[in-house]
Amino acid sequence: MPGHDMSTLQKGLLILALIGLGYLLLQVQPGQPTILSTWRSGQPVGANQPNAAKPKSLSISGAALPQTGRGLPGEPNAPYGNPLHSANIVLTQGYGVGSHAPAAIWGGVDLAIDGNGDGQADPQGTADAPIYATHSGTAQVKPNTWPAGNYLAIVGDGYKTAHAHLNRYAVQDGQQVQRGDVIGYVGATGDASGPHLHYEVWKDGQNVNPLDYGALDSQ
């Protein structure tokens, strides 16, 4: 009968709905809140907050995105060159990949030194290596942030470079620096799997590829 058939259909739909609800409830795992990273490269957070939520480390992998140009070495204010001043520079994570994605927010490159000539990043050769300013500007020193660790930015006219995971500083907050000055030393502070320099370039507030500004050029 039509009435009986409709009641059976409704019961069937109700049972299916209850089964679906039960399945969704089983997926909830109390006590395991979702942790979202709020670090935005040029604006490290968590300074002096040892109890701040710490996002998981991401493995180092991936290749750099294709370069879009050779930068502007003739422009007086533009950063240019290898901040580690080493002919044996190694790219351990490229621009816009892995933990550097999306590039517009997290863009940067991870640099290390091959100190023993095997073509791989050498922790002993990289640790405490001097970091050089690639342009002139004002130092912004922000120690003990998460996940950037000891963070340092150089803010110039139209450009900013950012450096993360430093072991120690060679400049003070507010100090004026010139291109080629030693500004700090490579470390593994913050969320870092080993000694390396996380290096960023910002132009007019926009994140750009450091490889376009000679970050891998031999010195």
N, C-alpha and C. Protein backbone atom coordinates (compact mmCIF):
# COMPACT_ATOMS: atom_id res chain seq x y z
N MET A 1 0.84 -1.18 0.00
CA MET A 1 0.00 0.00 0.00
C MET A 1 0.88 1.25 0.00
N PRO A 2 0.41 2.35 -0.61
CA PRO A 2 1.24 3.54 -0.70
C PRO A 2 1.68 4.05 0.66
N GLY A 3 0.76 4.10 1.65
CA GLY A 3 1.14 4.60 2.97
C GLY A 3 2.21 3.75 3.61
N HIS A 4 2.09 2.42 3.49
CA HIS A 4 3.05 1.50 4.08
C HIS A 4 4.41 1.64 3.39
N ASP A 5 4.38 1.79 2.06
CA ASP A 5 5.65 1.94 1.32
C ASP A 5 6.37 3.22 1.74
N MET A 6 5.66 4.32 1.93
CA MET A 6 6.28 5.59 2.30
C MET A 6 6.89 5.49 3.68
N SER A 7 6.23 4.83 4.64
CA SER A 7 6.74 4.67 5.98
C SER A 7 8.02 3.85 5.97
N THR A 8 8.07 2.82 5.17
CA THR A 8 9.26 1.99 5.07
C THR A 8 10.43 2.79 4.50
N LEU A 9 10.14 3.61 3.49
CA LEU A 9 11.19 4.44 2.89
C LEU A 9 11.74 5.43 3.90
N GLN A 10 10.83 6.03 4.67
CA GLN A 10 11.27 6.99 5.67
C GLN A 10 12.14 6.33 6.73
N LYS A 11 11.74 5.11 7.15
CA LYS A 11 12.54 4.39 8.14
C LYS A 11 13.93 4.07 7.58
N GLY A 12 13.95 3.69 6.30
CA GLY A 12 15.24 3.38 5.68
C GLY A 12 16.16 4.58 5.62
N LEU A 13 15.58 5.73 5.25
CA LEU A 13 16.38 6.96 5.20
C LEU A 13 16.88 7.35 6.58
N LEU A 14 16.02 7.18 7.59
CA LEU A 14 16.42 7.51 8.95
C LEU A 14 17.57 6.64 9.42
N ILE A 15 17.50 5.35 9.09
CA ILE A 15 18.58 4.43 9.49
C ILE A 15 19.89 4.84 8.82
N LEU A 16 19.81 5.17 7.52
CA LEU A 16 21.02 5.59 6.81
C LEU A 16 21.60 6.87 7.41
N ALA A 17 20.72 7.80 7.78
CA ALA A 17 21.18 9.04 8.38
C ALA A 17 21.88 8.80 9.71
N LEU A 18 21.31 7.88 10.53
CA LEU A 18 21.92 7.57 11.82
C LEU A 18 23.27 6.90 11.64
N ILE A 19 23.37 6.03 10.65
CA ILE A 19 24.65 5.36 10.38
C ILE A 19 25.71 6.39 9.98
N GLY A 20 25.31 7.33 9.10
CA GLY A 20 26.25 8.37 8.68
C GLY A 20 26.70 9.24 9.84
N LEU A 21 25.76 9.61 10.73
CA LEU A 21 26.10 10.43 11.88
C LEU A 21 27.06 9.69 12.81
N GLY A 22 26.80 8.41 13.00
CA GLY A 22 27.69 7.62 13.84
C GLY A 22 29.09 7.54 13.28
N TYR A 23 29.19 7.41 11.97
CA TYR A 23 30.52 7.36 11.32
C TYR A 23 31.29 8.66 11.54
N LEU A 24 30.57 9.79 11.38
CA LEU A 24 31.23 11.09 11.58
C LEU A 24 31.70 11.26 13.01
N LEU A 25 30.90 10.81 13.97
CA LEU A 25 31.28 10.93 15.37
C LEU A 25 32.51 10.10 15.69
N LEU A 26 32.66 8.97 15.02
CA LEU A 26 33.82 8.11 15.25
C LEU A 26 35.10 8.75 14.75
N GLN A 27 34.98 9.72 13.81
CA GLN A 27 36.18 10.36 13.27
C GLN A 27 36.75 11.42 14.20
N VAL A 28 35.95 11.90 15.15
CA VAL A 28 36.40 12.93 16.06
C VAL A 28 37.30 12.30 17.12
N GLN A 29 38.47 12.87 17.34
CA GLN A 29 39.42 12.37 18.30
C GLN A 29 39.64 13.43 19.37
N PRO A 30 38.91 13.35 20.47
CA PRO A 30 39.05 14.35 21.52
C PRO A 30 40.48 14.43 22.04
N GLY A 31 40.89 15.63 22.43
CA GLY A 31 42.23 15.79 22.98
C GLY A 31 43.29 16.02 21.94
N GLN A 32 42.96 16.08 20.65
CA GLN A 32 43.93 16.29 19.60
C GLN A 32 43.50 17.48 18.74
N PRO A 33 43.62 18.68 19.28
CA PRO A 33 43.17 19.86 18.53
C PRO A 33 44.03 20.10 17.30
N THR A 34 43.43 20.69 16.30
CA THR A 34 44.17 21.04 15.09
C THR A 34 45.07 22.23 15.38
N ILE A 35 46.35 22.11 14.98
CA ILE A 35 47.31 23.18 15.19
C ILE A 35 47.56 23.87 13.86
N LEU A 36 47.28 25.15 13.80
CA LEU A 36 47.50 25.92 12.59
C LEU A 36 48.67 26.85 12.78
N SER A 37 49.57 26.88 11.82
CA SER A 37 50.69 27.80 11.89
C SER A 37 50.23 29.20 11.53
N THR A 38 50.69 30.18 12.27
CA THR A 38 50.34 31.57 11.98
C THR A 38 51.56 32.38 11.57
N TRP A 39 52.68 31.71 11.34
CA TRP A 39 53.87 32.45 10.93
C TRP A 39 53.71 32.92 9.51
N ARG A 40 54.00 34.17 9.26
CA ARG A 40 53.90 34.75 7.93
C ARG A 40 55.25 35.36 7.56
N SER A 41 56.26 34.51 7.49
CA SER A 41 57.61 34.84 7.06
C SER A 41 58.10 36.19 7.56
N GLY A 42 57.68 37.28 6.95
CA GLY A 42 58.18 38.58 7.35
C GLY A 42 57.66 39.04 8.70
N GLN A 43 56.72 38.27 9.29
CA GLN A 43 56.14 38.66 10.57
C GLN A 43 56.17 37.45 11.50
N PRO A 44 57.35 37.09 12.05
CA PRO A 44 57.42 35.91 12.91
C PRO A 44 56.62 36.12 14.18
N VAL A 45 56.00 35.04 14.66
CA VAL A 45 55.19 35.13 15.87
C VAL A 45 55.74 34.18 16.91
N GLY A 46 55.22 34.31 18.12
CA GLY A 46 55.61 33.40 19.18
C GLY A 46 56.80 33.89 19.98
N ALA A 47 57.27 35.10 19.74
CA ALA A 47 58.42 35.62 20.47
C ALA A 47 58.10 35.67 21.96
N ASN A 48 59.04 35.12 22.73
CA ASN A 48 58.91 35.13 24.19
C ASN A 48 57.62 34.45 24.65
N GLN A 49 57.16 33.48 23.88
CA GLN A 49 55.96 32.73 24.25
C GLN A 49 56.30 31.24 24.21
N PRO A 50 57.00 30.72 25.25
CA PRO A 50 57.42 29.33 25.21
C PRO A 50 56.28 28.33 25.16
N ASN A 51 55.08 28.76 25.57
CA ASN A 51 53.94 27.85 25.57
C ASN A 51 53.08 27.97 24.32
N ALA A 52 53.54 28.76 23.36
CA ALA A 52 52.77 28.93 22.13
C ALA A 52 52.71 27.61 21.37
N ALA A 53 51.60 27.39 20.66
CA ALA A 53 51.47 26.16 19.86
C ALA A 53 52.57 26.12 18.80
N LYS A 54 53.22 24.97 18.68
CA LYS A 54 54.34 24.83 17.76
C LYS A 54 53.97 23.87 16.63
N PRO A 55 53.88 24.35 15.39
CA PRO A 55 53.53 23.48 14.28
C PRO A 55 54.62 22.45 14.03
N LYS A 56 54.25 21.34 13.44
CA LYS A 56 55.20 20.29 13.13
C LYS A 56 56.17 20.73 12.05
N SER A 57 57.39 20.18 12.12
CA SER A 57 58.37 20.48 11.08
C SER A 57 57.97 19.79 9.79
N LEU A 58 58.29 20.42 8.67
CA LEU A 58 58.07 19.82 7.36
C LEU A 58 59.41 19.37 6.82
N SER A 59 59.43 18.23 6.15
CA SER A 59 60.69 17.73 5.63
C SER A 59 61.23 18.64 4.54
N ILE A 60 62.56 18.64 4.42
CA ILE A 60 63.21 19.45 3.39
C ILE A 60 63.16 18.67 2.08
N SER A 61 62.51 19.23 1.10
CA SER A 61 62.38 18.54 -0.18
C SER A 61 61.98 19.54 -1.25
N GLY A 62 62.10 19.12 -2.50
CA GLY A 62 61.62 19.94 -3.61
C GLY A 62 62.71 20.77 -4.23
N ALA A 63 62.46 21.20 -5.43
CA ALA A 63 63.40 22.03 -6.16
C ALA A 63 62.84 23.44 -6.28
N ALA A 64 63.71 24.38 -6.57
CA ALA A 64 63.29 25.77 -6.71
C ALA A 64 62.41 25.95 -7.94
N LEU A 65 61.52 26.93 -7.87
CA LEU A 65 60.73 27.28 -9.03
C LEU A 65 61.62 27.93 -10.08
N PRO A 66 61.23 27.88 -11.35
CA PRO A 66 62.05 28.52 -12.40
C PRO A 66 62.28 29.99 -12.11
N GLN A 67 63.47 30.45 -12.42
CA GLN A 67 63.76 31.87 -12.24
C GLN A 67 63.00 32.69 -13.28
N THR A 68 62.68 33.92 -12.89
CA THR A 68 61.94 34.80 -13.80
C THR A 68 62.79 35.95 -14.29
N GLY A 69 64.05 35.97 -13.91
CA GLY A 69 64.92 37.05 -14.34
C GLY A 69 66.22 37.05 -13.57
N ARG A 70 67.07 37.99 -13.82
CA ARG A 70 68.36 38.04 -13.17
C ARG A 70 68.43 39.12 -12.11
N GLY A 71 67.29 39.61 -11.69
CA GLY A 71 67.31 40.64 -10.69
C GLY A 71 67.74 41.98 -11.28
N LEU A 72 68.04 42.90 -10.39
CA LEU A 72 68.39 44.25 -10.83
C LEU A 72 69.68 44.69 -10.13
N PRO A 73 70.82 44.08 -10.49
CA PRO A 73 72.07 44.44 -9.81
C PRO A 73 72.46 45.89 -10.00
N GLY A 74 71.92 46.56 -11.05
CA GLY A 74 72.24 47.96 -11.28
C GLY A 74 71.37 48.91 -10.49
N GLU A 75 70.32 48.41 -9.86
CA GLU A 75 69.43 49.26 -9.07
C GLU A 75 70.03 49.45 -7.68
N PRO A 76 70.29 50.66 -7.27
CA PRO A 76 71.04 50.90 -6.03
C PRO A 76 70.42 50.26 -4.79
N ASN A 77 69.10 50.22 -4.72
CA ASN A 77 68.45 49.74 -3.50
C ASN A 77 68.18 48.24 -3.49
N ALA A 78 68.38 47.56 -4.61
CA ALA A 78 68.01 46.15 -4.72
C ALA A 78 69.03 45.26 -4.04
N PRO A 79 68.57 44.26 -3.26
CA PRO A 79 69.51 43.28 -2.71
C PRO A 79 70.06 42.41 -3.83
N TYR A 80 71.28 42.00 -3.70
CA TYR A 80 71.83 41.12 -4.72
C TYR A 80 73.02 40.35 -4.14
N GLY A 81 73.08 39.07 -4.49
CA GLY A 81 74.23 38.26 -4.11
C GLY A 81 73.90 37.17 -3.12
N ASN A 82 74.90 36.38 -2.85
CA ASN A 82 74.83 35.23 -1.97
C ASN A 82 75.06 35.69 -0.53
N PRO A 83 74.06 35.56 0.35
CA PRO A 83 74.22 36.08 1.71
C PRO A 83 75.24 35.31 2.54
N LEU A 84 75.70 34.15 2.05
CA LEU A 84 76.71 33.40 2.78
C LEU A 84 78.11 33.58 2.18
N HIS A 85 78.21 34.29 1.05
CA HIS A 85 79.49 34.57 0.41
C HIS A 85 80.33 33.31 0.25
N SER A 86 79.71 32.23 -0.20
CA SER A 86 80.43 30.97 -0.37
C SER A 86 80.28 30.47 -1.80
N ALA A 87 81.38 29.95 -2.35
CA ALA A 87 81.31 29.36 -3.69
C ALA A 87 80.71 27.97 -3.64
N ASN A 88 80.57 27.41 -2.44
CA ASN A 88 80.05 26.04 -2.28
C ASN A 88 78.66 26.07 -1.65
N ILE A 89 77.81 26.95 -2.16
CA ILE A 89 76.47 27.09 -1.62
C ILE A 89 75.60 25.93 -2.06
N VAL A 90 74.72 25.47 -1.17
CA VAL A 90 73.80 24.37 -1.45
C VAL A 90 72.38 24.83 -1.16
N LEU A 91 71.47 24.57 -2.08
CA LEU A 91 70.06 24.88 -1.88
C LEU A 91 69.39 23.66 -1.27
N THR A 92 68.96 23.75 -0.02
CA THR A 92 68.35 22.60 0.64
C THR A 92 66.83 22.60 0.56
N GLN A 93 66.24 23.73 0.27
CA GLN A 93 64.81 23.79 -0.03
C GLN A 93 64.55 25.00 -0.92
N GLY A 94 63.80 24.77 -1.99
CA GLY A 94 63.60 25.82 -2.98
C GLY A 94 62.47 26.76 -2.66
N TYR A 95 62.26 27.68 -3.56
CA TYR A 95 61.26 28.73 -3.40
C TYR A 95 59.87 28.21 -3.78
N GLY A 96 58.91 28.41 -2.90
CA GLY A 96 57.53 28.05 -3.21
C GLY A 96 57.21 26.58 -3.10
N VAL A 97 58.08 25.78 -2.48
CA VAL A 97 57.83 24.35 -2.31
C VAL A 97 57.97 23.98 -0.84
N GLY A 98 57.44 22.81 -0.48
CA GLY A 98 57.55 22.34 0.90
C GLY A 98 56.97 23.35 1.88
N SER A 99 57.73 23.67 2.91
CA SER A 99 57.26 24.62 3.92
C SER A 99 57.34 26.07 3.44
N HIS A 100 57.79 26.27 2.20
CA HIS A 100 57.86 27.62 1.62
C HIS A 100 56.66 27.93 0.73
N ALA A 101 55.64 27.12 0.80
CA ALA A 101 54.43 27.35 0.01
C ALA A 101 53.28 27.75 0.94
N PRO A 102 52.39 28.66 0.47
CA PRO A 102 52.44 29.35 -0.82
C PRO A 102 53.53 30.41 -0.84
N ALA A 103 54.11 30.60 -2.00
CA ALA A 103 55.25 31.49 -2.13
C ALA A 103 54.93 32.93 -1.75
N ALA A 104 53.73 33.37 -2.03
CA ALA A 104 53.36 34.76 -1.75
C ALA A 104 53.42 35.08 -0.26
N ILE A 105 53.33 34.06 0.58
CA ILE A 105 53.33 34.27 2.03
C ILE A 105 54.59 33.73 2.68
N TRP A 106 54.96 32.51 2.30
CA TRP A 106 56.05 31.81 2.96
C TRP A 106 57.31 31.75 2.11
N GLY A 107 57.34 32.44 0.97
CA GLY A 107 58.42 32.26 0.01
C GLY A 107 59.80 32.59 0.55
N GLY A 108 60.74 31.73 0.27
CA GLY A 108 62.13 31.93 0.65
C GLY A 108 62.92 30.74 0.15
N VAL A 109 64.21 30.74 0.41
CA VAL A 109 65.06 29.59 0.08
C VAL A 109 65.88 29.25 1.30
N ASP A 110 66.21 27.98 1.44
CA ASP A 110 67.07 27.52 2.51
C ASP A 110 68.46 27.26 1.94
N LEU A 111 69.47 27.87 2.54
CA LEU A 111 70.83 27.79 2.04
C LEU A 111 71.75 27.17 3.07
N ALA A 112 72.68 26.35 2.59
CA ALA A 112 73.70 25.76 3.45
C ALA A 112 75.00 25.74 2.67
N ILE A 113 76.06 25.26 3.31
CA ILE A 113 77.38 25.23 2.69
C ILE A 113 77.88 23.80 2.59
N ASP A 114 78.44 23.46 1.44
CA ASP A 114 79.10 22.17 1.25
C ASP A 114 80.56 22.35 1.63
N GLY A 115 80.87 22.07 2.88
CA GLY A 115 82.22 22.32 3.37
C GLY A 115 83.22 21.24 3.06
N ASN A 116 82.74 20.03 2.69
CA ASN A 116 83.67 18.93 2.44
C ASN A 116 83.69 18.48 0.98
N GLY A 117 82.99 19.20 0.11
CA GLY A 117 83.09 18.94 -1.31
C GLY A 117 82.35 17.73 -1.83
N ASP A 118 81.39 17.21 -1.06
CA ASP A 118 80.64 16.04 -1.53
C ASP A 118 79.34 16.41 -2.22
N GLY A 119 79.09 17.70 -2.39
CA GLY A 119 77.88 18.14 -3.07
C GLY A 119 76.65 18.23 -2.19
N GLN A 120 76.80 17.93 -0.92
CA GLN A 120 75.68 17.95 0.01
C GLN A 120 75.91 19.01 1.08
N ALA A 121 74.82 19.42 1.72
CA ALA A 121 74.92 20.37 2.81
C ALA A 121 75.74 19.78 3.94
N ASP A 122 76.66 20.53 4.45
CA ASP A 122 77.57 20.07 5.50
C ASP A 122 77.25 20.83 6.79
N PRO A 123 76.67 20.16 7.79
CA PRO A 123 76.31 20.87 9.03
C PRO A 123 77.51 21.53 9.70
N GLN A 124 78.66 20.83 9.72
CA GLN A 124 79.84 21.41 10.37
C GLN A 124 80.35 22.64 9.61
N GLY A 125 80.28 22.57 8.28
CA GLY A 125 80.74 23.70 7.48
C GLY A 125 79.77 24.86 7.45
N THR A 126 78.51 24.58 7.80
CA THR A 126 77.48 25.61 7.74
C THR A 126 77.29 26.31 9.08
N ALA A 127 77.36 25.56 10.17
CA ALA A 127 77.09 26.13 11.49
C ALA A 127 78.01 27.30 11.79
N ASP A 128 77.42 28.40 12.20
CA ASP A 128 78.11 29.62 12.60
C ASP A 128 78.84 30.32 11.46
N ALA A 129 78.49 29.97 10.21
CA ALA A 129 79.06 30.70 9.07
C ALA A 129 78.53 32.12 9.07
N PRO A 130 79.33 33.09 8.70
CA PRO A 130 78.87 34.49 8.69
C PRO A 130 77.82 34.73 7.62
N ILE A 131 76.88 35.61 7.92
CA ILE A 131 75.83 36.02 7.00
C ILE A 131 76.08 37.48 6.65
N TYR A 132 76.03 37.80 5.37
CA TYR A 132 76.34 39.14 4.90
C TYR A 132 75.08 39.83 4.38
N ALA A 133 74.97 41.10 4.64
CA ALA A 133 73.85 41.88 4.11
C ALA A 133 73.97 41.98 2.60
N THR A 134 72.87 41.72 1.91
CA THR A 134 72.88 41.81 0.44
C THR A 134 72.39 43.16 -0.05
N HIS A 135 72.05 44.05 0.88
CA HIS A 135 71.69 45.43 0.53
C HIS A 135 71.79 46.27 1.78
N SER A 136 71.68 47.55 1.62
CA SER A 136 71.77 48.47 2.76
C SER A 136 70.38 48.69 3.36
N GLY A 137 70.36 48.98 4.65
CA GLY A 137 69.08 49.24 5.30
C GLY A 137 69.22 49.25 6.81
N THR A 138 68.08 49.13 7.48
CA THR A 138 68.01 49.15 8.94
C THR A 138 67.73 47.75 9.46
N ALA A 139 68.48 47.33 10.47
CA ALA A 139 68.33 45.99 11.03
C ALA A 139 67.12 45.93 11.95
N GLN A 140 66.33 44.88 11.80
CA GLN A 140 65.24 44.56 12.72
C GLN A 140 65.56 43.22 13.37
N VAL A 141 65.90 43.23 14.63
CA VAL A 141 66.34 42.05 15.36
C VAL A 141 65.18 41.51 16.20
N LYS A 142 64.83 40.25 15.99
CA LYS A 142 63.74 39.63 16.74
C LYS A 142 64.18 38.24 17.20
N PRO A 143 64.77 38.15 18.38
CA PRO A 143 65.25 36.85 18.87
C PRO A 143 64.14 35.97 19.41
N ASN A 144 64.42 34.66 19.43
CA ASN A 144 63.57 33.67 20.10
C ASN A 144 62.13 33.65 19.59
N THR A 145 61.95 33.75 18.28
CA THR A 145 60.61 33.61 17.72
C THR A 145 60.38 32.15 17.34
N TRP A 146 59.15 31.84 17.03
CA TRP A 146 58.82 30.48 16.56
C TRP A 146 57.97 30.58 15.32
N PRO A 147 58.29 29.87 14.24
CA PRO A 147 59.37 28.89 14.12
C PRO A 147 60.66 29.46 13.56
N ALA A 148 60.77 30.78 13.40
CA ALA A 148 61.94 31.36 12.75
C ALA A 148 63.17 31.40 13.64
N GLY A 149 63.01 31.13 14.93
CA GLY A 149 64.15 31.22 15.83
C GLY A 149 64.65 32.65 15.92
N ASN A 150 65.95 32.82 15.92
CA ASN A 150 66.52 34.17 15.93
C ASN A 150 66.38 34.75 14.52
N TYR A 151 65.55 35.76 14.42
CA TYR A 151 65.13 36.32 13.13
C TYR A 151 65.76 37.70 12.95
N LEU A 152 66.14 38.01 11.71
CA LEU A 152 66.73 39.30 11.40
C LEU A 152 66.26 39.77 10.03
N ALA A 153 65.76 40.99 9.96
CA ALA A 153 65.37 41.59 8.69
C ALA A 153 66.22 42.83 8.46
N ILE A 154 66.53 43.08 7.20
CA ILE A 154 67.17 44.32 6.79
C ILE A 154 66.16 45.06 5.92
N VAL A 155 65.74 46.23 6.37
CA VAL A 155 64.70 46.98 5.69
C VAL A 155 65.34 48.19 5.00
N GLY A 156 65.25 48.21 3.67
CA GLY A 156 65.81 49.30 2.89
C GLY A 156 64.72 50.06 2.14
N ASP A 157 65.13 50.83 1.17
CA ASP A 157 64.20 51.62 0.38
C ASP A 157 63.55 50.75 -0.68
N GLY A 158 62.32 50.29 -0.42
CA GLY A 158 61.58 49.46 -1.36
C GLY A 158 61.86 47.98 -1.24
N TYR A 159 62.88 47.60 -0.50
CA TYR A 159 63.24 46.19 -0.37
C TYR A 159 63.44 45.81 1.09
N LYS A 160 63.18 44.54 1.37
CA LYS A 160 63.48 43.96 2.67
C LYS A 160 64.00 42.55 2.45
N THR A 161 65.04 42.19 3.19
CA THR A 161 65.48 40.81 3.21
C THR A 161 65.26 40.27 4.61
N ALA A 162 64.93 38.99 4.71
CA ALA A 162 64.67 38.35 5.99
C ALA A 162 65.57 37.13 6.14
N HIS A 163 66.04 36.89 7.36
CA HIS A 163 66.98 35.81 7.65
C HIS A 163 66.50 35.11 8.91
N ALA A 164 66.40 33.79 8.87
CA ALA A 164 65.86 33.05 10.01
C ALA A 164 66.82 31.96 10.48
N HIS A 165 66.62 31.53 11.72
CA HIS A 165 67.34 30.43 12.37
C HIS A 165 68.78 30.80 12.76
N LEU A 166 69.06 32.08 12.92
CA LEU A 166 70.42 32.51 13.24
C LEU A 166 70.90 31.94 14.58
N ASN A 167 72.20 31.68 14.64
CA ASN A 167 72.81 31.26 15.90
C ASN A 167 73.02 32.48 16.80
N ARG A 168 73.51 33.57 16.19
CA ARG A 168 73.75 34.80 16.93
C ARG A 168 73.76 35.98 15.96
N TYR A 169 73.67 37.17 16.53
CA TYR A 169 73.61 38.38 15.74
C TYR A 169 74.97 39.10 15.74
N ALA A 170 75.21 39.87 14.69
CA ALA A 170 76.38 40.73 14.63
C ALA A 170 75.96 42.20 14.60
N VAL A 171 74.65 42.45 14.64
CA VAL A 171 74.12 43.82 14.63
C VAL A 171 73.07 43.95 15.71
N GLN A 172 72.71 45.18 16.01
CA GLN A 172 71.68 45.46 16.99
C GLN A 172 70.42 45.99 16.30
N ASP A 173 69.31 45.88 17.00
CA ASP A 173 68.05 46.37 16.45
C ASP A 173 68.15 47.87 16.18
N GLY A 174 67.77 48.29 14.98
CA GLY A 174 67.81 49.69 14.60
C GLY A 174 69.12 50.14 13.99
N GLN A 175 70.10 49.25 13.96
CA GLN A 175 71.41 49.62 13.42
C GLN A 175 71.37 49.75 11.90
N GLN A 176 72.08 50.72 11.36
CA GLN A 176 72.19 50.89 9.92
C GLN A 176 73.33 50.00 9.41
N VAL A 177 73.04 49.24 8.34
CA VAL A 177 74.05 48.35 7.77
C VAL A 177 74.20 48.66 6.29
N GLN A 178 75.36 48.29 5.77
CA GLN A 178 75.65 48.45 4.36
C GLN A 178 75.81 47.08 3.72
N ARG A 179 75.57 47.03 2.41
CA ARG A 179 75.75 45.78 1.68
C ARG A 179 77.16 45.27 1.90
N GLY A 180 77.26 43.99 2.27
CA GLY A 180 78.55 43.37 2.54
C GLY A 180 78.91 43.29 4.00
N ASP A 181 78.17 43.99 4.87
CA ASP A 181 78.43 43.90 6.31
C ASP A 181 78.02 42.53 6.83
N VAL A 182 78.79 42.01 7.79
CA VAL A 182 78.37 40.79 8.50
C VAL A 182 77.24 41.18 9.45
N ILE A 183 76.11 40.47 9.35
CA ILE A 183 74.95 40.82 10.16
C ILE A 183 74.59 39.73 11.17
N GLY A 184 75.12 38.52 10.98
CA GLY A 184 74.81 37.43 11.89
C GLY A 184 75.54 36.16 11.49
N TYR A 185 75.16 35.06 12.18
CA TYR A 185 75.84 33.79 11.95
C TYR A 185 74.80 32.66 11.88
N VAL A 186 75.02 31.72 10.98
CA VAL A 186 74.06 30.66 10.71
C VAL A 186 73.89 29.76 11.94
N GLY A 187 72.64 29.38 12.20
CA GLY A 187 72.35 28.47 13.29
C GLY A 187 71.22 27.52 12.94
N ALA A 188 70.61 26.98 13.97
CA ALA A 188 69.47 26.06 13.80
C ALA A 188 68.42 26.36 14.85
N THR A 189 68.28 27.65 15.21
CA THR A 189 67.30 28.03 16.21
C THR A 189 65.89 27.98 15.63
N GLY A 190 64.92 27.86 16.52
CA GLY A 190 63.53 27.76 16.06
C GLY A 190 63.25 26.37 15.51
N ASP A 191 62.39 26.31 14.52
CA ASP A 191 61.98 25.04 13.92
C ASP A 191 62.90 24.72 12.75
N ALA A 192 64.07 24.15 13.05
CA ALA A 192 65.05 23.84 12.02
C ALA A 192 65.60 22.45 12.27
N SER A 193 65.76 21.68 11.20
CA SER A 193 66.27 20.32 11.33
C SER A 193 67.79 20.28 11.37
N GLY A 194 68.45 21.40 11.08
CA GLY A 194 69.90 21.47 11.09
C GLY A 194 70.33 22.87 10.72
N PRO A 195 71.62 23.17 10.83
CA PRO A 195 72.10 24.51 10.52
C PRO A 195 71.84 24.90 9.06
N HIS A 196 71.18 26.00 8.85
CA HIS A 196 70.95 26.54 7.52
C HIS A 196 70.42 27.96 7.65
N LEU A 197 70.44 28.69 6.55
CA LEU A 197 69.90 30.04 6.52
C LEU A 197 68.63 30.05 5.70
N HIS A 198 67.53 30.43 6.31
CA HIS A 198 66.29 30.69 5.57
C HIS A 198 66.35 32.15 5.15
N TYR A 199 66.30 32.40 3.83
CA TYR A 199 66.54 33.73 3.29
C TYR A 199 65.39 34.15 2.38
N GLU A 200 64.89 35.36 2.61
CA GLU A 200 63.77 35.88 1.84
C GLU A 200 64.10 37.25 1.26
N VAL A 201 63.42 37.59 0.15
CA VAL A 201 63.50 38.93 -0.43
C VAL A 201 62.09 39.45 -0.64
N TRP A 202 61.84 40.68 -0.21
CA TRP A 202 60.54 41.33 -0.37
C TRP A 202 60.75 42.63 -1.14
N LYS A 203 59.94 42.84 -2.17
CA LYS A 203 59.99 44.06 -2.97
C LYS A 203 58.65 44.77 -2.88
N ASP A 204 58.67 45.99 -2.38
CA ASP A 204 57.44 46.77 -2.21
C ASP A 204 56.35 45.96 -1.50
N GLY A 205 56.76 45.21 -0.49
CA GLY A 205 55.81 44.44 0.31
C GLY A 205 55.40 43.12 -0.29
N GLN A 206 55.95 42.75 -1.44
CA GLN A 206 55.60 41.50 -2.10
C GLN A 206 56.77 40.52 -2.01
N ASN A 207 56.45 39.28 -1.66
CA ASN A 207 57.49 38.25 -1.59
C ASN A 207 57.94 37.87 -3.00
N VAL A 208 59.25 37.87 -3.24
CA VAL A 208 59.80 37.53 -4.55
C VAL A 208 60.87 36.46 -4.39
N ASN A 209 61.22 35.85 -5.51
CA ASN A 209 62.16 34.73 -5.50
C ASN A 209 63.60 35.23 -5.28
N PRO A 210 64.27 34.82 -4.19
CA PRO A 210 65.65 35.25 -3.96
C PRO A 210 66.61 34.82 -5.06
N LEU A 211 66.26 33.76 -5.77
CA LEU A 211 67.14 33.31 -6.85
C LEU A 211 67.20 34.33 -7.98
N ASP A 212 66.18 35.16 -8.10
CA ASP A 212 66.19 36.22 -9.09
C ASP A 212 67.13 37.35 -8.68
N TYR A 213 67.59 37.30 -7.44
CA TYR A 213 68.46 38.34 -6.92
C TYR A 213 69.83 37.78 -6.53
N GLY A 214 70.24 36.72 -7.24
CA GLY A 214 71.60 36.21 -7.12
C GLY A 214 71.90 35.44 -5.85
N ALA A 215 70.90 34.83 -5.21
CA ALA A 215 71.12 34.15 -3.93
C ALA A 215 72.08 32.97 -4.06
N LEU A 216 72.24 32.41 -5.25
CA LEU A 216 73.15 31.28 -5.44
C LEU A 216 74.42 31.66 -6.19
N ASP A 217 74.60 32.93 -6.46
CA ASP A 217 75.80 33.34 -7.18
C ASP A 217 77.05 33.08 -6.35
N SER A 218 78.11 32.64 -7.01
CA SER A 218 79.40 32.43 -6.32
C SER A 218 79.98 33.80 -5.96
N GLN A 219 80.67 33.80 -4.85
CA GLN A 219 81.27 35.05 -4.38
C GLN A 219 82.77 35.01 -4.58
